[in-house]
Amino acid sequence: MIGPRGEFHIFFYAGTCDMRRQIAGLVTMVREELGRDPQCGDMYVFRGRRGDQLKILFYDKRGYCMLVKRLDEGTFPIVHAADGNAVEITLRDLASLMSNAELVSSVRGTA
């Protein structure tokens, strides 16, 4: 199975991310810009400036994993955070984003 196990949260970074960043750069963003522990088991989703690429970062107890999806055409929707730098989304929302659909439920801001 690919993905974190057990209970976890998914945070969508509300800004744009330089898609040249690899695992170390995304870990730094999670720590410094989101103020979260990247090894807590949660997933972090980043969108590129052009909007055609998503990167998903998570820690699976043995190391970091990064998934990348780049669209052949179109863009992923922009997610805005009311408070803070990230929005907590559901697994259903993430699945919808990965299939390039709009968010299926209202998103919740997080501190």
Protein backbone atom coordinates (compact mmCIF):
# COMPACT_ATOMS: atom_id res chain seq x y z
CA MET A 1 0.00 0.00 0.00
CA ILE A 2 1.27 3.47 -0.87
CA GLY A 3 0.45 6.16 1.65
CA PRO A 4 0.51 6.73 5.36
CA ARG A 5 -1.05 4.17 7.67
CA GLY A 6 -3.42 4.76 10.53
CA GLU A 7 -4.99 8.10 11.31
CA PHE A 8 -3.55 11.05 9.43
CA HIS A 9 -4.46 14.51 8.16
CA ILE A 10 -3.92 16.00 4.72
CA PHE A 11 -2.76 19.60 4.43
CA PHE A 12 -2.83 21.50 1.14
CA TYR A 13 -0.23 24.28 1.04
CA ALA A 14 -2.18 27.43 0.12
CA GLY A 15 0.65 29.16 -1.76
CA THR A 16 2.50 28.04 -4.82
CA CYS A 17 5.58 25.87 -4.59
CA ASP A 18 8.72 25.76 -6.71
CA MET A 19 8.31 22.35 -8.31
CA ARG A 20 12.09 21.98 -8.56
CA ARG A 21 12.05 21.34 -4.79
CA GLN A 22 12.68 17.77 -3.84
CA ILE A 23 12.07 16.00 -0.53
CA ALA A 24 14.53 18.07 1.56
CA GLY A 25 13.08 21.36 0.29
CA LEU A 26 9.50 20.28 0.94
CA VAL A 27 10.40 19.05 4.44
CA THR A 28 11.87 22.51 5.12
CA MET A 29 8.65 24.17 3.89
CA VAL A 30 6.54 21.97 6.17
CA ARG A 31 8.71 22.85 9.18
CA GLU A 32 9.28 26.55 8.54
CA GLU A 33 6.19 27.76 6.67
CA LEU A 34 3.55 25.45 8.11
CA GLY A 35 5.11 25.02 11.54
CA ARG A 36 4.36 21.30 11.50
CA ASP A 37 6.38 18.13 12.07
CA PRO A 38 6.81 16.43 8.67
CA GLN A 39 7.42 13.07 10.39
CA CYS A 40 4.09 12.97 12.25
CA GLY A 41 2.45 10.85 9.54
CA ASP A 42 0.37 13.57 7.88
CA MET A 43 0.36 14.24 4.14
CA TYR A 44 1.30 17.59 2.63
CA VAL A 45 0.16 18.62 -0.85
CA PHE A 46 1.94 21.34 -2.86
CA ARG A 47 0.80 22.97 -6.12
CA GLY A 48 3.17 24.50 -8.67
CA ARG A 49 2.89 28.07 -9.93
CA ARG A 50 1.70 26.96 -13.38
CA GLY A 51 -0.91 24.80 -11.67
CA ASP A 52 -0.25 21.70 -13.76
CA GLN A 53 1.66 19.80 -11.09
CA LEU A 54 1.08 18.52 -7.54
CA LYS A 55 3.62 17.04 -5.14
CA ILE A 56 2.55 15.04 -2.10
CA LEU A 57 4.96 14.48 0.77
CA PHE A 58 4.55 12.07 3.68
CA TYR A 59 6.66 10.08 6.11
CA ASP A 60 5.93 6.36 6.47
CA LYS A 61 7.98 5.46 9.60
CA ARG A 62 10.94 4.31 7.48
CA GLY A 63 11.52 7.38 5.33
CA TYR A 64 10.01 10.14 3.27
CA CYS A 65 7.87 9.50 0.20
CA MET A 66 7.05 11.99 -2.53
CA LEU A 67 4.38 11.49 -5.15
CA VAL A 68 4.17 13.74 -8.20
CA LYS A 69 1.30 14.24 -10.63
CA ARG A 70 1.71 16.41 -13.72
CA LEU A 71 -1.25 17.06 -16.00
CA ASP A 72 -0.92 16.81 -19.77
CA GLU A 73 -3.39 19.68 -20.06
CA GLY A 74 -5.40 21.85 -17.69
CA THR A 75 -4.59 22.91 -14.15
CA PHE A 76 -5.36 21.88 -10.61
CA PRO A 77 -7.71 24.22 -8.75
CA ILE A 78 -6.24 26.84 -6.45
CA VAL A 79 -6.94 26.30 -2.76
CA HIS A 80 -7.08 29.35 -0.51
CA ALA A 81 -6.59 29.24 3.26
CA ALA A 82 -8.68 31.52 5.45
CA ASP A 83 -6.17 31.23 8.31
CA GLY A 84 -2.56 30.17 8.07
CA ASN A 85 -0.60 28.75 5.16
CA ALA A 86 -2.48 25.48 4.71
CA VAL A 87 -5.95 24.07 4.36
CA GLU A 88 -6.88 20.69 5.77
CA ILE A 89 -8.63 18.58 3.17
CA THR A 90 -10.19 15.12 3.25
CA LEU A 91 -8.96 12.01 1.48
CA ARG A 92 -11.98 12.36 -0.79
CA ASP A 93 -10.89 15.93 -1.63
CA LEU A 94 -7.39 14.67 -2.47
CA ALA A 95 -8.77 11.94 -4.71
CA SER A 96 -10.89 14.56 -6.45
CA LEU A 97 -7.86 16.82 -6.92
CA MET A 98 -5.81 13.95 -8.32
CA SER A 99 -8.50 13.31 -10.91
CA ASN A 100 -8.43 17.07 -11.73
CA ALA A 101 -11.91 17.75 -10.40
CA GLU A 102 -13.00 20.54 -8.10
CA LEU A 103 -12.92 20.02 -4.35
CA VAL A 104 -15.95 17.95 -3.40
CA SER A 105 -16.46 19.36 0.08
CA SER A 106 -15.80 22.59 1.84
CA VAL A 107 -12.23 22.90 3.08
CA ARG A 108 -11.31 23.77 6.63
CA GLY A 109 -8.57 26.26 7.47
CA THR A 110 -5.88 25.27 9.92
CA ALA A 111 -3.49 27.26 12.06
